[in-house]
Amino acid sequence: MQISQFSTLYFYSFTIQSFQIYPLKFINHQLKKSQT
């Protein structure tokens, strides 16, 4: 029970991290584009 709960939490945190990283990269790219 505890183990599955932990793995689910880990999975969600990992997914959230990747969803945070990708928009940041995209925003960075857009900013560089607008600067040049």
PDB file of N, CA and C in Angstrom:
ATOM      1  N   MET A   1       0.843  -1.190   0.000  1.00  0.00           N
ATOM      2  CA  MET A   1       0.000   0.000   0.000  1.00  0.00           C
ATOM      3  C   MET A   1       0.889   1.255   0.000  1.00  0.00           C
ATOM      4  N   GLN A   2       1.770   1.332   0.951  1.00  0.00           N
ATOM      5  CA  GLN A   2       2.649   2.496   1.055  1.00  0.00           C
ATOM      6  C   GLN A   2       3.558   2.621  -0.171  1.00  0.00           C
ATOM      7  N   ILE A   3       4.023   1.482  -0.643  1.00  0.00           N
ATOM      8  CA  ILE A   3       4.959   1.491  -1.766  1.00  0.00           C
ATOM      9  C   ILE A   3       4.278   2.023  -3.027  1.00  0.00           C
ATOM     10  N   SER A   4       3.069   1.571  -3.277  1.00  0.00           N
ATOM     11  CA  SER A   4       2.361   2.039  -4.469  1.00  0.00           C
ATOM     12  C   SER A   4       2.052   3.532  -4.353  1.00  0.00           C
ATOM     13  N   GLN A   5       1.715   3.958  -3.146  1.00  0.00           N
ATOM     14  CA  GLN A   5       1.450   5.373  -2.921  1.00  0.00           C
ATOM     15  C   GLN A   5       2.709   6.195  -3.213  1.00  0.00           C
ATOM     16  N   PHE A   6       3.830   5.693  -2.757  1.00  0.00           N
ATOM     17  CA  PHE A   6       5.089   6.399  -2.955  1.00  0.00           C
ATOM     18  C   PHE A   6       5.452   6.465  -4.433  1.00  0.00           C
ATOM     19  N   SER A   7       5.291   5.353  -5.134  1.00  0.00           N
ATOM     20  CA  SER A   7       5.636   5.331  -6.552  1.00  0.00           C
ATOM     21  C   SER A   7       4.724   6.255  -7.347  1.00  0.00           C
ATOM     22  N   THR A   8       3.457   6.332  -6.936  1.00  0.00           N
ATOM     23  CA  THR A   8       2.535   7.243  -7.613  1.00  0.00           C
ATOM     24  C   THR A   8       2.967   8.685  -7.392  1.00  0.00           C
ATOM     25  N   LEU A   9       3.332   8.995  -6.177  1.00  0.00           N
ATOM     26  CA  LEU A   9       3.798  10.339  -5.862  1.00  0.00           C
ATOM     27  C   LEU A   9       5.053  10.673  -6.655  1.00  0.00           C
ATOM     28  N   TYR A  10       5.963   9.708  -6.727  1.00  0.00           N
ATOM     29  CA  TYR A  10       7.196   9.897  -7.484  1.00  0.00           C
ATOM     30  C   TYR A  10       6.885  10.134  -8.953  1.00  0.00           C
ATOM     31  N   PHE A  11       5.976   9.346  -9.482  1.00  0.00           N
ATOM     32  CA  PHE A  11       5.593   9.488 -10.887  1.00  0.00           C
ATOM     33  C   PHE A  11       5.012  10.874 -11.152  1.00  0.00           C
ATOM     34  N   TYR A  12       4.123  11.324 -10.264  1.00  0.00           N
ATOM     35  CA  TYR A  12       3.508  12.634 -10.446  1.00  0.00           C
ATOM     36  C   TYR A  12       4.544  13.754 -10.359  1.00  0.00           C
ATOM     37  N   SER A  13       5.456  13.657  -9.418  1.00  0.00           N
ATOM     38  CA  SER A  13       6.476  14.697  -9.276  1.00  0.00           C
ATOM     39  C   SER A  13       7.369  14.737 -10.509  1.00  0.00           C
ATOM     40  N   PHE A  14       7.685  13.552 -11.045  1.00  0.00           N
ATOM     41  CA  PHE A  14       8.510  13.483 -12.248  1.00  0.00           C
ATOM     42  C   PHE A  14       7.778  14.097 -13.437  1.00  0.00           C
ATOM     43  N   THR A  15       6.494  13.781 -13.565  1.00  0.00           N
ATOM     44  CA  THR A  15       5.699  14.321 -14.671  1.00  0.00           C
ATOM     45  C   THR A  15       5.589  15.835 -14.555  1.00  0.00           C
ATOM     46  N   ILE A  16       5.331  16.317 -13.361  1.00  0.00           N
ATOM     47  CA  ILE A  16       5.213  17.760 -13.137  1.00  0.00           C
ATOM     48  C   ILE A  16       6.529  18.454 -13.482  1.00  0.00           C
ATOM     49  N   GLN A  17       7.642  17.847 -13.097  1.00  0.00           N
ATOM     50  CA  GLN A  17       8.941  18.437 -13.401  1.00  0.00           C
ATOM     51  C   GLN A  17       9.137  18.574 -14.901  1.00  0.00           C
ATOM     52  N   SER A  18       8.847  17.520 -15.648  1.00  0.00           N
ATOM     53  CA  SER A  18       9.040  17.574 -17.091  1.00  0.00           C
ATOM     54  C   SER A  18       8.096  18.593 -17.725  1.00  0.00           C
ATOM     55  N   PHE A  19       6.889  18.715 -17.176  1.00  0.00           N
ATOM     56  CA  PHE A  19       5.957  19.700 -17.717  1.00  0.00           C
ATOM     57  C   PHE A  19       6.403  21.120 -17.385  1.00  0.00           C
ATOM     58  N   GLN A  20       7.155  21.288 -16.308  1.00  0.00           N
ATOM     59  CA  GLN A  20       7.675  22.612 -15.972  1.00  0.00           C
ATOM     60  C   GLN A  20       8.882  22.952 -16.836  1.00  0.00           C
ATOM     61  N   ILE A  21       9.698  21.935 -17.126  1.00  0.00           N
ATOM     62  CA  ILE A  21      10.927  22.166 -17.877  1.00  0.00           C
ATOM     63  C   ILE A  21      10.627  22.518 -19.336  1.00  0.00           C
ATOM     64  N   TYR A  22       9.712  21.795 -19.957  1.00  0.00           N
ATOM     65  CA  TYR A  22       9.448  22.026 -21.376  1.00  0.00           C
ATOM     66  C   TYR A  22       8.918  23.423 -21.672  1.00  0.00           C
ATOM     67  N   PRO A  23       7.924  23.910 -20.938  1.00  0.00           N
ATOM     68  CA  PRO A  23       7.475  25.283 -21.186  1.00  0.00           C
ATOM     69  C   PRO A  23       8.584  26.310 -20.969  1.00  0.00           C
ATOM     70  N   LEU A  24       9.449  26.068 -20.003  1.00  0.00           N
ATOM     71  CA  LEU A  24      10.552  26.996 -19.767  1.00  0.00           C
ATOM     72  C   LEU A  24      11.473  27.051 -20.973  1.00  0.00           C
ATOM     73  N   LYS A  25      11.790  25.889 -21.538  1.00  0.00           N
ATOM     74  CA  LYS A  25      12.640  25.851 -22.724  1.00  0.00           C
ATOM     75  C   LYS A  25      11.966  26.573 -23.879  1.00  0.00           C
ATOM     76  N   PHE A  26      10.676  26.358 -24.016  1.00  0.00           N
ATOM     77  CA  PHE A  26       9.924  26.980 -25.099  1.00  0.00           C
ATOM     78  C   PHE A  26       9.910  28.498 -24.933  1.00  0.00           C
ATOM     79  N   ILE A  27       9.649  28.961 -23.724  1.00  0.00           N
ATOM     80  CA  ILE A  27       9.620  30.399 -23.439  1.00  0.00           C
ATOM     81  C   ILE A  27      10.994  31.013 -23.693  1.00  0.00           C
ATOM     82  N   ASN A  28      12.037  30.311 -23.259  1.00  0.00           N
ATOM     83  CA  ASN A  28      13.393  30.780 -23.498  1.00  0.00           C
ATOM     84  C   ASN A  28      13.647  30.946 -24.984  1.00  0.00           C
ATOM     85  N   HIS A  29      13.240  29.964 -25.751  1.00  0.00           N
ATOM     86  CA  HIS A  29      13.438  29.993 -27.196  1.00  0.00           C
ATOM     87  C   HIS A  29      12.690  31.174 -27.814  1.00  0.00           C
ATOM     88  N   GLN A  30      11.469  31.401 -27.380  1.00  0.00           N
ATOM     89  CA  GLN A  30      10.667  32.499 -27.900  1.00  0.00           C
ATOM     90  C   GLN A  30      11.292  33.847 -27.539  1.00  0.00           C
ATOM     91  N   LEU A  31      11.836  33.941 -26.342  1.00  0.00           N
ATOM     92  CA  LEU A  31      12.464  35.187 -25.914  1.00  0.00           C
ATOM     93  C   LEU A  31      13.691  35.489 -26.761  1.00  0.00           C
ATOM     94  N   LYS A  32      14.504  34.471 -27.007  1.00  0.00           N
ATOM     95  CA  LYS A  32      15.689  34.666 -27.829  1.00  0.00           C
ATOM     96  C   LYS A  32      15.295  35.076 -29.243  1.00  0.00           C
ATOM     97  N   LYS A  33      14.221  34.499 -29.737  1.00  0.00           N
ATOM     98  CA  LYS A  33      13.750  34.806 -31.076  1.00  0.00           C
ATOM     99  C   LYS A  33      13.333  36.275 -31.164  1.00  0.00           C
ATOM    100  N   SER A  34      12.639  36.752 -30.150  1.00  0.00           N
ATOM    101  CA  SER A  34      12.132  38.120 -30.181  1.00  0.00           C
ATOM    102  C   SER A  34      13.253  39.141 -29.967  1.00  0.00           C
ATOM    103  N   GLN A  35      14.323  38.710 -29.317  1.00  0.00           N
ATOM    104  CA  GLN A  35      15.433  39.638 -29.056  1.00  0.00           C
ATOM    105  C   GLN A  35      16.235  39.933 -30.321  1.00  0.00           C
ATOM    106  N   THR A  36      16.461  38.923 -31.134  1.00  0.00           N
ATOM    107  CA  THR A  36      17.295  39.128 -32.322  1.00  0.00           C
ATOM    108  C   THR A  36      16.547  39.866 -33.410  1.00  0.00           C
TER     109      THR A  36
END
